[in-house]
C-alpha cells in the first residue's frame, strides 16, 4: 500500500477537477463536487489545514479512485 501525500482541501479539489469533477455548491467551508457520471463527494477547505488520512480515503472511495490514480493527479 502506497502512502498518500499530505494535501489541503484546495489541492484535492484541483486534482478532482482534472478528471471532470466540478464544484456544484459551497456550504460554509464544505465544497460539494459532482462528476458527470453522478459520482459525488464533499471536500472541506480550511486554510492552512491538511485533510486527514481517514477523510482522504473516504473522498477517494466516493470518487472511485485508487491511491495511485490520485497520486498521479497531484
Protein backbone atom coordinates (compact mmCIF):
# COMPACT_ATOMS: atom_id res chain seq x y z
CA UNK A 1 0.00 0.00 0.00
CA UNK A 2 1.49 3.32 -1.04
CA UNK A 3 1.45 6.20 1.38
CA UNK A 4 -0.80 9.12 0.49
CA UNK A 5 0.69 12.61 0.46
CA UNK A 6 -0.45 15.28 2.90
CA UNK A 7 -2.74 17.59 0.92
CA UNK A 8 -5.04 20.53 1.57
CA UNK A 9 -8.67 20.72 0.53
CA UNK A 10 -7.82 23.08 -2.32
CA UNK A 11 -5.25 20.62 -3.68
CA UNK A 12 -7.81 17.80 -3.57
CA UNK A 13 -10.36 19.91 -5.45
CA UNK A 14 -7.76 20.88 -8.09
CA UNK A 15 -6.85 17.21 -8.60
CA UNK A 16 -10.50 16.14 -8.89
CA UNK A 17 -11.26 18.89 -11.40
CA UNK A 18 -8.60 17.37 -13.69
CA UNK A 19 -10.74 14.25 -14.09
CA UNK A 20 -14.06 16.03 -14.62
CA UNK A 21 -15.43 16.82 -11.17
CA UNK A 22 -16.90 20.27 -10.68
CA UNK A 23 -17.98 22.20 -7.63
CA UNK A 24 -21.76 22.29 -7.60
CA UNK A 25 -22.21 24.25 -4.38
CA UNK A 26 -20.40 25.52 -1.31
CA UNK A 27 -21.91 25.41 2.17
CA UNK A 28 -19.64 27.12 4.65
CA UNK A 29 -16.22 25.52 4.23
CA UNK A 30 -17.57 22.38 2.54
CA UNK A 31 -17.31 22.13 -1.24
CA UNK A 32 -19.69 19.66 -2.89
CA UNK A 33 -18.31 18.14 -6.08
CA UNK A 34 -20.05 16.05 -8.72
CA UNK A 35 -18.82 14.19 -11.78
CA UNK A 36 -20.96 13.93 -14.94
CA UNK A 37 -21.44 10.20 -14.22
CA UNK A 38 -23.06 11.13 -10.84
CA UNK A 39 -20.15 10.32 -8.51
CA UNK A 40 -20.25 12.86 -5.65
CA UNK A 41 -18.08 13.86 -2.71
CA UNK A 42 -17.62 16.65 -0.18
CA UNK A 43 -14.24 18.29 0.47
CA UNK A 44 -13.69 20.61 3.45
CA UNK A 45 -11.47 23.60 2.73
CA UNK A 46 -9.87 25.13 5.81
CA UNK A 47 -6.95 27.47 5.18
CA UNK A 48 -3.61 26.01 6.17
CA UNK A 49 -5.04 22.64 7.29
CA UNK A 50 -4.42 19.32 5.59
CA UNK A 51 -7.02 16.62 5.00
CA UNK A 52 -6.76 13.74 7.47
CA UNK A 53 -5.91 10.28 6.14
CA UNK A 54 -9.32 8.80 7.01
CA UNK A 55 -11.21 11.61 5.30
CA UNK A 56 -8.94 11.45 2.26
CA UNK A 57 -9.57 7.71 1.98
CA UNK A 58 -13.34 8.34 2.12
CA UNK A 59 -13.10 11.02 -0.59
CA UNK A 60 -11.16 8.60 -2.82
CA UNK A 61 -13.74 5.89 -2.16
CA UNK A 62 -16.59 8.29 -3.05
CA UNK A 63 -14.78 9.21 -6.28
CA UNK A 64 -13.91 5.58 -7.06
CA UNK A 65 -10.20 6.39 -7.31
CA UNK A 66 -7.33 4.32 -6.04
CA UNK A 67 -4.30 5.80 -4.32
CA UNK A 68 -2.02 5.57 -7.36
CA UNK A 69 -4.51 7.37 -9.62
CA UNK A 70 -4.81 10.14 -7.04
CA UNK A 71 -1.02 10.46 -6.65
CA UNK A 72 -0.71 10.96 -10.42
CA UNK A 73 -3.29 13.77 -10.31
CA UNK A 74 -1.46 15.71 -7.59
